[in-house]
Every structure is written in C-alpha cells, then in structure tokens.
Amino acid sequence: MTAIRAWTTQKLAALGLWLAGAFGFGADSAQTPVAKDTWTPDTLTSFGLEMGKGFGSGS
C-alpha cells in the first residue's frame, strides 16, 4: 500500500509540474524584473485614486 501511495504521489507531482509548465506557471517561466520599487508623488496619487474607485464616493 505504501508503494502505491508513493508512486501515485510522484506521478501527481510530475503531472502538476507538467501542467504548470504547459500553462506558463513553471519555475522556468520568465518574470519581468521590477524597474524600481519607490513611490513618487505621481504614482502614489494614481494608486490612491485607483483604490478609491473600489470604495464608492466616500460620503
């Protein structure tokens, strides 16, 4: 029973890795590097305006 469980686990893991690679979610998928991670007044304002859209008019 343990051998069957181990074999099944290995096959499911391999299937999961294959599916992730097939749909572009694998470990070798390219990720775009972050250009910069600092806030500027313009980006902060833009972010605040976009977030405010989700909460209604606020009144």
PDB file of N, CA and C in Angstrom:
ATOM      1  N   MET A   1       0.823  -1.203   0.000  1.00  0.00           N
ATOM      2  CA  MET A   1       0.000   0.000   0.000  1.00  0.00           C
ATOM      3  C   MET A   1       0.860   1.256   0.000  1.00  0.00           C
ATOM      4  N   THR A   2       1.966   1.244   0.741  1.00  0.00           N
ATOM      5  CA  THR A   2       2.845   2.405   0.804  1.00  0.00           C
ATOM      6  C   THR A   2       3.505   2.654  -0.547  1.00  0.00           C
ATOM      7  N   ALA A   3       3.860   1.593  -1.259  1.00  0.00           N
ATOM      8  CA  ALA A   3       4.494   1.749  -2.569  1.00  0.00           C
ATOM      9  C   ALA A   3       3.521   2.379  -3.564  1.00  0.00           C
ATOM     10  N   ILE A   4       2.279   1.983  -3.524  1.00  0.00           N
ATOM     11  CA  ILE A   4       1.274   2.550  -4.425  1.00  0.00           C
ATOM     12  C   ILE A   4       1.065   4.031  -4.101  1.00  0.00           C
ATOM     13  N   ARG A   5       1.003   4.361  -2.824  1.00  0.00           N
ATOM     14  CA  ARG A   5       0.817   5.750  -2.413  1.00  0.00           C
ATOM     15  C   ARG A   5       2.002   6.617  -2.846  1.00  0.00           C
ATOM     16  N   ALA A   6       3.224   6.102  -2.695  1.00  0.00           N
ATOM     17  CA  ALA A   6       4.417   6.841  -3.102  1.00  0.00           C
ATOM     18  C   ALA A   6       4.436   7.033  -4.615  1.00  0.00           C
ATOM     19  N   TRP A   7       4.113   5.990  -5.376  1.00  0.00           N
ATOM     20  CA  TRP A   7       4.089   6.080  -6.827  1.00  0.00           C
ATOM     21  C   TRP A   7       3.029   7.085  -7.289  1.00  0.00           C
ATOM     22  N   THR A   8       1.857   7.035  -6.674  1.00  0.00           N
ATOM     23  CA  THR A   8       0.783   7.964  -7.027  1.00  0.00           C
ATOM     24  C   THR A   8       1.181   9.400  -6.725  1.00  0.00           C
ATOM     25  N   THR A   9       1.806   9.624  -5.592  1.00  0.00           N
ATOM     26  CA  THR A   9       2.255  10.969  -5.219  1.00  0.00           C
ATOM     27  C   THR A   9       3.277  11.495  -6.215  1.00  0.00           C
ATOM     28  N   GLN A  10       4.225  10.639  -6.619  1.00  0.00           N
ATOM     29  CA  GLN A  10       5.233  11.047  -7.592  1.00  0.00           C
ATOM     30  C   GLN A  10       4.596  11.394  -8.934  1.00  0.00           C
ATOM     31  N   LYS A  11       3.646  10.586  -9.376  1.00  0.00           N
ATOM     32  CA  LYS A  11       3.004  10.833 -10.671  1.00  0.00           C
ATOM     33  C   LYS A  11       2.148  12.097 -10.632  1.00  0.00           C
ATOM     34  N   LEU A  12       1.460  12.330  -9.534  1.00  0.00           N
ATOM     35  CA  LEU A  12       0.655  13.546  -9.409  1.00  0.00           C
ATOM     36  C   LEU A  12       1.544  14.788  -9.358  1.00  0.00           C
ATOM     37  N   ALA A  13       2.670  14.693  -8.675  1.00  0.00           N
ATOM     38  CA  ALA A  13       3.604  15.816  -8.622  1.00  0.00           C
ATOM     39  C   ALA A  13       4.160  16.108 -10.013  1.00  0.00           C
ATOM     40  N   ALA A  14       4.521  15.056 -10.747  1.00  0.00           N
ATOM     41  CA  ALA A  14       5.036  15.242 -12.103  1.00  0.00           C
ATOM     42  C   ALA A  14       3.964  15.841 -13.011  1.00  0.00           C
ATOM     43  N   LEU A  15       2.733  15.397 -12.875  1.00  0.00           N
ATOM     44  CA  LEU A  15       1.632  15.942 -13.664  1.00  0.00           C
ATOM     45  C   LEU A  15       1.416  17.412 -13.338  1.00  0.00           C
ATOM     46  N   GLY A  16       1.473  17.755 -12.064  1.00  0.00           N
ATOM     47  CA  GLY A  16       1.308  19.145 -11.657  1.00  0.00           C
ATOM     48  C   GLY A  16       2.403  20.041 -12.223  1.00  0.00           C
ATOM     49  N   LEU A  17       3.641  19.565 -12.190  1.00  0.00           N
ATOM     50  CA  LEU A  17       4.748  20.333 -12.751  1.00  0.00           C
ATOM     51  C   LEU A  17       4.605  20.480 -14.262  1.00  0.00           C
ATOM     52  N   TRP A  18       4.165  19.414 -14.929  1.00  0.00           N
ATOM     53  CA  TRP A  18       3.972  19.480 -16.375  1.00  0.00           C
ATOM     54  C   TRP A  18       2.866  20.478 -16.718  1.00  0.00           C
ATOM     55  N   LEU A  19       1.765  20.432 -15.990  1.00  0.00           N
ATOM     56  CA  LEU A  19       0.666  21.366 -16.244  1.00  0.00           C
ATOM     57  C   LEU A  19       1.097  22.805 -15.989  1.00  0.00           C
ATOM     58  N   ALA A  20       1.849  23.024 -14.934  1.00  0.00           N
ATOM     59  CA  ALA A  20       2.329  24.376 -14.638  1.00  0.00           C
ATOM     60  C   ALA A  20       3.212  24.884 -15.763  1.00  0.00           C
ATOM     61  N   GLY A  21       4.081  24.040 -16.277  1.00  0.00           N
ATOM     62  CA  GLY A  21       4.929  24.441 -17.390  1.00  0.00           C
ATOM     63  C   GLY A  21       4.141  24.665 -18.658  1.00  0.00           C
ATOM     64  N   ALA A  22       3.119  23.837 -18.886  1.00  0.00           N
ATOM     65  CA  ALA A  22       2.310  23.960 -20.096  1.00  0.00           C
ATOM     66  C   ALA A  22       1.513  25.256 -20.114  1.00  0.00           C
ATOM     67  N   PHE A  23       1.101  25.732 -18.969  1.00  0.00           N
ATOM     68  CA  PHE A  23       0.320  26.957 -18.892  1.00  0.00           C
ATOM     69  C   PHE A  23       1.161  28.181 -18.540  1.00  0.00           C
ATOM     70  N   GLY A  24       2.479  28.032 -18.473  1.00  0.00           N
ATOM     71  CA  GLY A  24       3.364  29.164 -18.250  1.00  0.00           C
ATOM     72  C   GLY A  24       3.541  29.558 -16.804  1.00  0.00           C
ATOM     73  N   PHE A  25       3.250  28.658 -15.874  1.00  0.00           N
ATOM     74  CA  PHE A  25       3.412  28.975 -14.465  1.00  0.00           C
ATOM     75  C   PHE A  25       4.577  28.228 -13.837  1.00  0.00           C
ATOM     76  N   GLY A  26       5.431  27.649 -14.641  1.00  0.00           N
ATOM     77  CA  GLY A  26       6.528  26.847 -14.128  1.00  0.00           C
ATOM     78  C   GLY A  26       7.631  27.692 -13.521  1.00  0.00           C
ATOM     79  N   ALA A  27       8.577  27.019 -12.898  1.00  0.00           N
ATOM     80  CA  ALA A  27       9.688  27.708 -12.250  1.00  0.00           C
ATOM     81  C   ALA A  27      10.583  28.390 -13.268  1.00  0.00           C
ATOM     82  N   ASP A  28      10.591  27.883 -14.512  1.00  0.00           N
ATOM     83  CA  ASP A  28      11.448  28.475 -15.525  1.00  0.00           C
ATOM     84  C   ASP A  28      10.741  29.546 -16.349  1.00  0.00           C
ATOM     85  N   SER A  29       9.527  29.914 -15.970  1.00  0.00           N
ATOM     86  CA  SER A  29       8.816  30.951 -16.710  1.00  0.00           C
ATOM     87  C   SER A  29       9.471  32.297 -16.454  1.00  0.00           C
ATOM     88  N   ALA A  30       9.505  33.107 -17.478  1.00  0.00           N
ATOM     89  CA  ALA A  30      10.174  34.406 -17.384  1.00  0.00           C
ATOM     90  C   ALA A  30       9.344  35.367 -16.542  1.00  0.00           C
ATOM     91  N   GLN A  31      10.025  36.063 -15.675  1.00  0.00           N
ATOM     92  CA  GLN A  31       9.377  37.083 -14.863  1.00  0.00           C
ATOM     93  C   GLN A  31      10.018  38.419 -15.199  1.00  0.00           C
ATOM     94  N   THR A  32       9.192  39.434 -15.328  1.00  0.00           N
ATOM     95  CA  THR A  32       9.726  40.750 -15.626  1.00  0.00           C
ATOM     96  C   THR A  32      10.329  41.347 -14.360  1.00  0.00           C
ATOM     97  N   PRO A  33      11.535  41.864 -14.464  1.00  0.00           N
ATOM     98  CA  PRO A  33      12.154  42.461 -13.279  1.00  0.00           C
ATOM     99  C   PRO A  33      11.470  43.776 -12.922  1.00  0.00           C
ATOM    100  N   VAL A  34      11.470  44.064 -11.652  1.00  0.00           N
ATOM    101  CA  VAL A  34      10.884  45.311 -11.173  1.00  0.00           C
ATOM    102  C   VAL A  34      11.874  46.424 -11.450  1.00  0.00           C
ATOM    103  N   ALA A  35      11.425  47.447 -12.154  1.00  0.00           N
ATOM    104  CA  ALA A  35      12.321  48.541 -12.524  1.00  0.00           C
ATOM    105  C   ALA A  35      12.733  49.336 -11.288  1.00  0.00           C
ATOM    106  N   LYS A  36      11.747  49.724 -10.484  1.00  0.00           N
ATOM    107  CA  LYS A  36      12.055  50.428  -9.246  1.00  0.00           C
ATOM    108  C   LYS A  36      10.911  50.198  -8.281  1.00  0.00           C
ATOM    109  N   ASP A  37      11.203  50.264  -7.025  1.00  0.00           N
ATOM    110  CA  ASP A  37      10.187  49.983  -6.023  1.00  0.00           C
ATOM    111  C   ASP A  37      10.001  51.149  -5.064  1.00  0.00           C
ATOM    112  N   THR A  38      10.159  52.351  -5.588  1.00  0.00           N
ATOM    113  CA  THR A  38       9.967  53.529  -4.751  1.00  0.00           C
ATOM    114  C   THR A  38       8.713  54.265  -5.197  1.00  0.00           C
ATOM    115  N   TRP A  39       8.073  54.922  -4.263  1.00  0.00           N
ATOM    116  CA  TRP A  39       6.877  55.689  -4.557  1.00  0.00           C
ATOM    117  C   TRP A  39       7.256  57.117  -4.913  1.00  0.00           C
ATOM    118  N   THR A  40       6.610  57.632  -5.928  1.00  0.00           N
ATOM    119  CA  THR A  40       6.744  59.044  -6.265  1.00  0.00           C
ATOM    120  C   THR A  40       5.391  59.689  -5.982  1.00  0.00           C
ATOM    121  N   PRO A  41       5.333  60.989  -5.899  1.00  0.00           N
ATOM    122  CA  PRO A  41       4.027  61.630  -5.671  1.00  0.00           C
ATOM    123  C   PRO A  41       3.003  61.254  -6.745  1.00  0.00           C
ATOM    124  N   ASP A  42       3.440  61.121  -7.997  1.00  0.00           N
ATOM    125  CA  ASP A  42       2.513  60.772  -9.076  1.00  0.00           C
ATOM    126  C   ASP A  42       1.998  59.343  -8.938  1.00  0.00           C
ATOM    127  N   THR A  43       2.895  58.388  -8.649  1.00  0.00           N
ATOM    128  CA  THR A  43       2.446  57.005  -8.534  1.00  0.00           C
ATOM    129  C   THR A  43       1.583  56.814  -7.294  1.00  0.00           C
ATOM    130  N   LEU A  44       1.894  57.508  -6.228  1.00  0.00           N
ATOM    131  CA  LEU A  44       1.101  57.399  -5.007  1.00  0.00           C
ATOM    132  C   LEU A  44      -0.301  57.976  -5.213  1.00  0.00           C
ATOM    133  N   THR A  45      -0.377  59.091  -5.910  1.00  0.00           N
ATOM    134  CA  THR A  45      -1.677  59.690  -6.204  1.00  0.00           C
ATOM    135  C   THR A  45      -2.493  58.783  -7.106  1.00  0.00           C
ATOM    136  N   SER A  46      -1.861  58.245  -8.132  1.00  0.00           N
ATOM    137  CA  SER A  46      -2.543  57.345  -9.058  1.00  0.00           C
ATOM    138  C   SER A  46      -3.057  56.107  -8.329  1.00  0.00           C
ATOM    139  N   PHE A  47      -2.232  55.552  -7.454  1.00  0.00           N
ATOM    140  CA  PHE A  47      -2.637  54.381  -6.688  1.00  0.00           C
ATOM    141  C   PHE A  47      -3.818  54.705  -5.784  1.00  0.00           C
ATOM    142  N   GLY A  48      -3.762  55.846  -5.122  1.00  0.00           N
ATOM    143  CA  GLY A  48      -4.860  56.244  -4.236  1.00  0.00           C
ATOM    144  C   GLY A  48      -6.162  56.449  -4.990  1.00  0.00           C
ATOM    145  N   LEU A  49      -6.067  57.042  -6.168  1.00  0.00           N
ATOM    146  CA  LEU A  49      -7.276  57.237  -6.978  1.00  0.00           C
ATOM    147  C   LEU A  49      -7.865  55.910  -7.441  1.00  0.00           C
ATOM    148  N   GLU A  50      -7.020  54.978  -7.835  1.00  0.00           N
ATOM    149  CA  GLU A  50      -7.499  53.673  -8.272  1.00  0.00           C
ATOM    150  C   GLU A  50      -8.119  52.899  -7.102  1.00  0.00           C
ATOM    151  N   MET A  51      -7.507  52.970  -5.938  1.00  0.00           N
ATOM    152  CA  MET A  51      -8.054  52.280  -4.779  1.00  0.00           C
ATOM    153  C   MET A  51      -9.371  52.899  -4.347  1.00  0.00           C
ATOM    154  N   GLY A  52      -9.487  54.226  -4.470  1.00  0.00           N
ATOM    155  CA  GLY A  52     -10.705  54.921  -4.085  1.00  0.00           C
ATOM    156  C   GLY A  52     -11.894  54.534  -4.933  1.00  0.00           C
ATOM    157  N   LYS A  53     -11.668  54.066  -6.147  1.00  0.00           N
ATOM    158  CA  LYS A  53     -12.767  53.651  -7.015  1.00  0.00           C
ATOM    159  C   LYS A  53     -13.519  52.470  -6.436  1.00  0.00           C
ATOM    160  N   GLY A  54     -12.836  51.643  -5.675  1.00  0.00           N
ATOM    161  CA  GLY A  54     -13.455  50.452  -5.140  1.00  0.00           C
ATOM    162  C   GLY A  54     -14.282  50.697  -3.892  1.00  0.00           C
ATOM    163  N   PHE A  55     -14.223  51.887  -3.323  1.00  0.00           N
ATOM    164  CA  PHE A  55     -14.905  52.157  -2.071  1.00  0.00           C
ATOM    165  C   PHE A  55     -16.029  53.181  -2.195  1.00  0.00           C
ATOM    166  N   GLY A  56     -16.398  53.505  -3.408  1.00  0.00           N
ATOM    167  CA  GLY A  56     -17.501  54.436  -3.594  1.00  0.00           C
ATOM    168  C   GLY A  56     -17.059  55.877  -3.447  1.00  0.00           C
ATOM    169  N   SER A  57     -18.024  56.767  -3.274  1.00  0.00           N
ATOM    170  CA  SER A  57     -17.711  58.193  -3.215  1.00  0.00           C
ATOM    171  C   SER A  57     -17.171  58.630  -1.867  1.00  0.00           C
ATOM    172  N   GLY A  58     -17.355  57.844  -0.852  1.00  0.00           N
ATOM    173  CA  GLY A  58     -16.825  58.168   0.463  1.00  0.00           C
ATOM    174  C   GLY A  58     -17.730  59.051   1.301  1.00  0.00           C
ATOM    175  N   SER A  59     -18.901  59.374   0.794  1.00  0.00           N
ATOM    176  CA  SER A  59     -19.801  60.219   1.583  1.00  0.00           C
ATOM    177  C   SER A  59     -20.961  59.425   2.117  1.00  0.00           C
TER     178      SER A  59
END
